[in-house]
Amino acid sequence: MKPPEEREPREMTYRIGWKRGTIVPNGQRSPAAASGHPTDMSVIGESRMQRWNRSYLWRKAPSPGHRTLQVAVFAMPVLLFALFLWMAYELAQHAR
């Protein structure tokens, strides 16, 4: 075996889905990065379906205001207790 100083750096390959690439250790740059051209994916145009997906499906969901939520938190137990009493009354009427 060669001492670590004499070994050539090993190139590692990876595959994620259909994409493949290489990792060169010790800070060496890959040939694509050495060319000076940025690999910016934003220059690729989006399709109509992608724009619709981003603008319609992934928009912020509407939510009620703080005051509405506060009223709902306090009103919900009262409404549920009243519903429970009504259901108990109806069951008592049918049990006779």
Protein backbone atom coordinates (compact mmCIF):
# COMPACT_ATOMS: atom_id res chain seq x y z
CA MET A 1 0.00 0.00 0.00
CA LYS A 2 1.10 3.51 -0.74
CA PRO A 3 1.41 6.04 2.05
CA PRO A 4 -1.50 8.54 2.19
CA GLU A 5 0.64 11.36 0.77
CA GLU A 6 1.37 9.44 -2.45
CA ARG A 7 -2.19 8.26 -3.16
CA GLU A 8 -4.20 9.92 -5.85
CA PRO A 9 -7.49 11.42 -4.62
CA ARG A 10 -10.35 9.09 -5.37
CA GLU A 11 -13.29 10.38 -7.37
CA MET A 12 -16.69 9.44 -5.93
CA THR A 13 -19.82 9.09 -8.01
CA TYR A 14 -23.40 9.42 -6.86
CA ARG A 15 -26.86 8.96 -8.33
CA ILE A 16 -30.02 10.64 -7.08
CA GLY A 17 -33.01 9.60 -9.15
CA TRP A 18 -32.03 10.13 -12.75
CA LYS A 19 -29.23 12.61 -11.96
CA ARG A 20 -25.64 11.44 -11.74
CA GLY A 21 -22.57 13.30 -10.68
CA THR A 22 -19.09 13.06 -9.27
CA ILE A 23 -17.48 14.40 -6.13
CA VAL A 24 -13.83 15.28 -6.32
CA PRO A 25 -12.18 15.54 -2.88
CA ASN A 26 -9.58 18.01 -1.60
CA GLY A 27 -11.34 21.09 -2.96
CA GLN A 28 -10.67 20.29 -6.60
CA ARG A 29 -13.36 21.58 -8.92
CA SER A 30 -15.28 19.51 -11.42
CA PRO A 31 -14.83 20.25 -15.14
CA ALA A 32 -18.30 21.86 -15.33
CA ALA A 33 -17.50 24.20 -12.45
CA ALA A 34 -14.05 24.99 -13.87
CA SER A 35 -15.55 26.26 -17.14
CA GLY A 36 -16.78 29.41 -15.38
CA HIS A 37 -20.39 29.02 -16.50
CA PRO A 38 -22.88 29.08 -13.65
CA THR A 39 -25.19 26.11 -13.44
CA ASP A 40 -28.24 28.24 -12.66
CA MET A 41 -31.47 26.33 -13.16
CA SER A 42 -33.63 29.48 -13.00
CA VAL A 43 -32.97 30.25 -16.66
CA ILE A 44 -35.12 27.28 -17.64
CA GLY A 45 -38.67 28.45 -18.36
CA GLU A 46 -41.56 27.08 -16.36
CA SER A 47 -44.46 25.37 -18.00
CA ARG A 48 -48.02 26.59 -17.59
CA MET A 49 -48.77 23.67 -15.25
CA GLN A 50 -45.78 24.53 -13.04
CA ARG A 51 -46.85 28.19 -12.82
CA TRP A 52 -50.42 27.18 -11.94
CA ASN A 53 -49.13 24.71 -9.35
CA ARG A 54 -46.92 27.34 -7.73
CA SER A 55 -49.51 30.13 -7.77
CA TYR A 56 -52.67 28.18 -6.91
CA LEU A 57 -51.80 25.02 -4.99
CA TRP A 58 -48.91 26.37 -2.91
CA ARG A 59 -50.35 29.75 -1.95
CA LYS A 60 -50.80 30.75 1.68
CA ALA A 61 -53.97 29.29 3.15
CA PRO A 62 -56.48 31.82 4.44
CA SER A 63 -57.11 31.82 8.16
CA PRO A 64 -59.64 33.63 10.34
CA GLY A 65 -58.51 36.55 12.45
CA HIS A 66 -57.25 36.37 16.01
CA ARG A 67 -60.54 37.59 17.50
CA THR A 68 -62.58 34.97 15.59
CA LEU A 69 -60.34 32.16 16.82
CA GLN A 70 -60.52 33.44 20.38
CA VAL A 71 -64.35 33.46 20.29
CA ALA A 72 -64.41 29.98 18.73
CA VAL A 73 -62.14 28.56 21.46
CA PHE A 74 -64.47 29.76 24.19
CA ALA A 75 -67.74 29.00 22.36
CA MET A 76 -66.90 25.47 21.27
CA PRO A 77 -67.07 23.81 24.73
CA VAL A 78 -70.38 25.54 25.47
CA LEU A 79 -71.86 24.38 22.15
CA LEU A 80 -70.61 20.83 22.60
CA PHE A 81 -72.02 20.64 26.14
CA ALA A 82 -75.40 21.91 24.90
CA LEU A 83 -75.33 19.30 22.11
CA PHE A 84 -74.53 16.58 24.65
CA LEU A 85 -77.49 17.63 26.84
CA TRP A 86 -79.83 17.66 23.82
CA MET A 87 -78.67 14.17 22.76
CA ALA A 88 -79.16 12.85 26.30
CA TYR A 89 -82.69 14.35 26.36
CA GLU A 90 -83.54 12.76 22.99
CA LEU A 91 -82.27 9.36 24.15
CA ALA A 92 -84.32 9.65 27.34
CA GLN A 93 -87.44 10.37 25.25
CA HIS A 94 -86.92 7.19 23.16
CA ALA A 95 -86.11 4.99 26.17
CA ARG A 96 -89.59 5.39 27.71
